[in-house]
Amino acid sequence: MKKNEKFEKLRAARLKEYRKWSSCFCPALKEYVYFTSDGFHHLRFEVTGRARSIKEQMYKMGLLPLAIPVIKNATQIEYRKSRSAIRRTGV
């Protein structure tokens, strides 16, 4: 099986599974987490809209079955601030 075929098979299976999810309660947040099409889109694309590499998408989709157990068992939240370079054009 070719890499793209393997990827498409995994993507289709995970999407089918993901669509069955609606929400789960997160004790750390003290609220429900909802699984929307935006969430699945985030697995495939970066914030900039650029597609993630197939390798990265497969990695993220491989971890997807762990999402609900992790959310349901979360006891604390860690906040991080990050600095990212701002790309300027025409300067």
C-alpha atoms as a PDB file:
ATOM      1  CA  MET A   1       0.000   0.000   0.000  1.00  0.00           C
ATOM      2  CA  LYS A   2       1.336   3.432  -0.958  1.00  0.00           C
ATOM      3  CA  LYS A   3       1.847   6.131   1.650  1.00  0.00           C
ATOM      4  CA  ASN A   4      -0.966   8.313   0.244  1.00  0.00           C
ATOM      5  CA  GLU A   5      -3.375   5.349   0.224  1.00  0.00           C
ATOM      6  CA  LYS A   6      -2.462   4.543   3.819  1.00  0.00           C
ATOM      7  CA  PHE A   7      -2.967   8.200   4.767  1.00  0.00           C
ATOM      8  CA  GLU A   8      -6.351   8.462   3.041  1.00  0.00           C
ATOM      9  CA  LYS A   9      -7.519   5.258   4.707  1.00  0.00           C
ATOM     10  CA  LEU A  10      -6.450   6.537   8.148  1.00  0.00           C
ATOM     11  CA  ARG A  11      -7.962   9.994   7.524  1.00  0.00           C
ATOM     12  CA  ALA A  12     -11.305   8.518   6.442  1.00  0.00           C
ATOM     13  CA  ALA A  13     -11.427   6.155   9.445  1.00  0.00           C
ATOM     14  CA  ARG A  14     -10.551   8.891  11.946  1.00  0.00           C
ATOM     15  CA  LEU A  15     -13.040  11.335  10.420  1.00  0.00           C
ATOM     16  CA  LYS A  16     -15.797   8.716  10.626  1.00  0.00           C
ATOM     17  CA  GLU A  17     -14.914   8.107  14.288  1.00  0.00           C
ATOM     18  CA  TYR A  18     -14.565  11.841  15.063  1.00  0.00           C
ATOM     19  CA  ARG A  19     -18.011  12.623  13.628  1.00  0.00           C
ATOM     20  CA  LYS A  20     -19.554  10.308  16.239  1.00  0.00           C
ATOM     21  CA  TRP A  21     -18.113  12.413  19.062  1.00  0.00           C
ATOM     22  CA  SER A  22     -20.076  15.391  20.327  1.00  0.00           C
ATOM     23  CA  SER A  23     -18.609  16.438  23.665  1.00  0.00           C
ATOM     24  CA  CYS A  24     -17.068  15.229  26.900  1.00  0.00           C
ATOM     25  CA  PHE A  25     -16.666  16.832  30.304  1.00  0.00           C
ATOM     26  CA  CYS A  26     -13.189  18.028  31.307  1.00  0.00           C
ATOM     27  CA  PRO A  27     -12.701  18.185  35.106  1.00  0.00           C
ATOM     28  CA  ALA A  28      -9.704  20.519  34.768  1.00  0.00           C
ATOM     29  CA  LEU A  29     -11.724  23.086  32.796  1.00  0.00           C
ATOM     30  CA  LYS A  30     -14.938  22.350  34.710  1.00  0.00           C
ATOM     31  CA  GLU A  31     -16.857  22.441  31.430  1.00  0.00           C
ATOM     32  CA  TYR A  32     -17.604  20.414  28.348  1.00  0.00           C
ATOM     33  CA  VAL A  33     -15.197  20.186  25.407  1.00  0.00           C
ATOM     34  CA  TYR A  34     -16.946  20.026  22.029  1.00  0.00           C
ATOM     35  CA  PHE A  35     -15.591  18.228  18.987  1.00  0.00           C
ATOM     36  CA  THR A  36     -16.353  20.336  15.938  1.00  0.00           C
ATOM     37  CA  SER A  37     -15.316  20.352  12.303  1.00  0.00           C
ATOM     38  CA  ASP A  38     -12.867  23.133  13.226  1.00  0.00           C
ATOM     39  CA  GLY A  39     -11.088  20.710  15.550  1.00  0.00           C
ATOM     40  CA  PHE A  40     -10.630  18.090  12.845  1.00  0.00           C
ATOM     41  CA  HIS A  41      -9.557  20.805  10.409  1.00  0.00           C
ATOM     42  CA  HIS A  42      -6.855  21.817  12.901  1.00  0.00           C
ATOM     43  CA  LEU A  43      -5.396  18.286  12.690  1.00  0.00           C
ATOM     44  CA  ARG A  44      -4.886  18.748   8.959  1.00  0.00           C
ATOM     45  CA  PHE A  45      -4.008  22.436   8.652  1.00  0.00           C
ATOM     46  CA  GLU A  46      -1.911  24.977  10.508  1.00  0.00           C
ATOM     47  CA  VAL A  47      -3.347  28.222  11.850  1.00  0.00           C
ATOM     48  CA  THR A  48      -2.036  29.951   8.726  1.00  0.00           C
ATOM     49  CA  GLY A  49      -4.199  27.680   6.546  1.00  0.00           C
ATOM     50  CA  ARG A  50      -1.224  25.785   5.147  1.00  0.00           C
ATOM     51  CA  ALA A  51      -1.653  22.003   5.053  1.00  0.00           C
ATOM     52  CA  ARG A  52       0.442  20.064   7.551  1.00  0.00           C
ATOM     53  CA  SER A  53       2.757  17.431   6.130  1.00  0.00           C
ATOM     54  CA  ILE A  54       1.242  13.981   5.641  1.00  0.00           C
ATOM     55  CA  LYS A  55       3.648  12.642   8.257  1.00  0.00           C
ATOM     56  CA  GLU A  56       2.461  15.190  10.824  1.00  0.00           C
ATOM     57  CA  GLN A  57      -1.210  14.610   9.992  1.00  0.00           C
ATOM     58  CA  MET A  58      -0.777  10.849  10.391  1.00  0.00           C
ATOM     59  CA  TYR A  59       0.946  11.387  13.739  1.00  0.00           C
ATOM     60  CA  LYS A  60      -1.873  13.621  15.020  1.00  0.00           C
ATOM     61  CA  MET A  61      -4.606  11.332  13.716  1.00  0.00           C
ATOM     62  CA  GLY A  62      -2.832   8.361  15.271  1.00  0.00           C
ATOM     63  CA  LEU A  63      -3.163  10.036  18.674  1.00  0.00           C
ATOM     64  CA  LEU A  64      -6.809  10.988  18.161  1.00  0.00           C
ATOM     65  CA  PRO A  65      -8.261   7.921  19.971  1.00  0.00           C
ATOM     66  CA  LEU A  66      -6.500   9.151  23.117  1.00  0.00           C
ATOM     67  CA  ALA A  67      -8.199  12.569  23.063  1.00  0.00           C
ATOM     68  CA  ILE A  68     -11.352  11.708  25.005  1.00  0.00           C
ATOM     69  CA  PRO A  69      -9.600   9.678  27.750  1.00  0.00           C
ATOM     70  CA  VAL A  70      -7.042  12.464  28.213  1.00  0.00           C
ATOM     71  CA  ILE A  71      -9.720  15.171  28.396  1.00  0.00           C
ATOM     72  CA  LYS A  72     -11.904  13.138  30.800  1.00  0.00           C
ATOM     73  CA  ASN A  73      -8.960  12.460  33.114  1.00  0.00           C
ATOM     74  CA  ALA A  74      -7.308  15.893  33.033  1.00  0.00           C
ATOM     75  CA  THR A  75      -6.791  17.328  36.518  1.00  0.00           C
ATOM     76  CA  GLN A  76      -4.803  20.478  35.821  1.00  0.00           C
ATOM     77  CA  ILE A  77      -4.145  23.010  33.102  1.00  0.00           C
ATOM     78  CA  GLU A  78      -0.791  24.459  32.123  1.00  0.00           C
ATOM     79  CA  TYR A  79      -0.729  27.839  30.441  1.00  0.00           C
ATOM     80  CA  ARG A  80       2.163  28.821  28.226  1.00  0.00           C
ATOM     81  CA  LYS A  81       2.959  32.017  26.470  1.00  0.00           C
ATOM     82  CA  SER A  82       4.831  31.710  23.258  1.00  0.00           C
ATOM     83  CA  ARG A  83       6.643  34.220  21.169  1.00  0.00           C
ATOM     84  CA  SER A  84       6.401  33.851  17.460  1.00  0.00           C
ATOM     85  CA  ALA A  85       8.044  35.871  14.765  1.00  0.00           C
ATOM     86  CA  ILE A  86       5.792  38.161  12.810  1.00  0.00           C
ATOM     87  CA  ARG A  87       6.605  38.075   9.133  1.00  0.00           C
ATOM     88  CA  ARG A  88       6.420  41.446   7.490  1.00  0.00           C
ATOM     89  CA  THR A  89       6.374  41.968   3.773  1.00  0.00           C
ATOM     90  CA  GLY A  90       7.394  45.098   1.941  1.00  0.00           C
ATOM     91  CA  VAL A  91       9.560  46.462   4.779  1.00  0.00           C
END
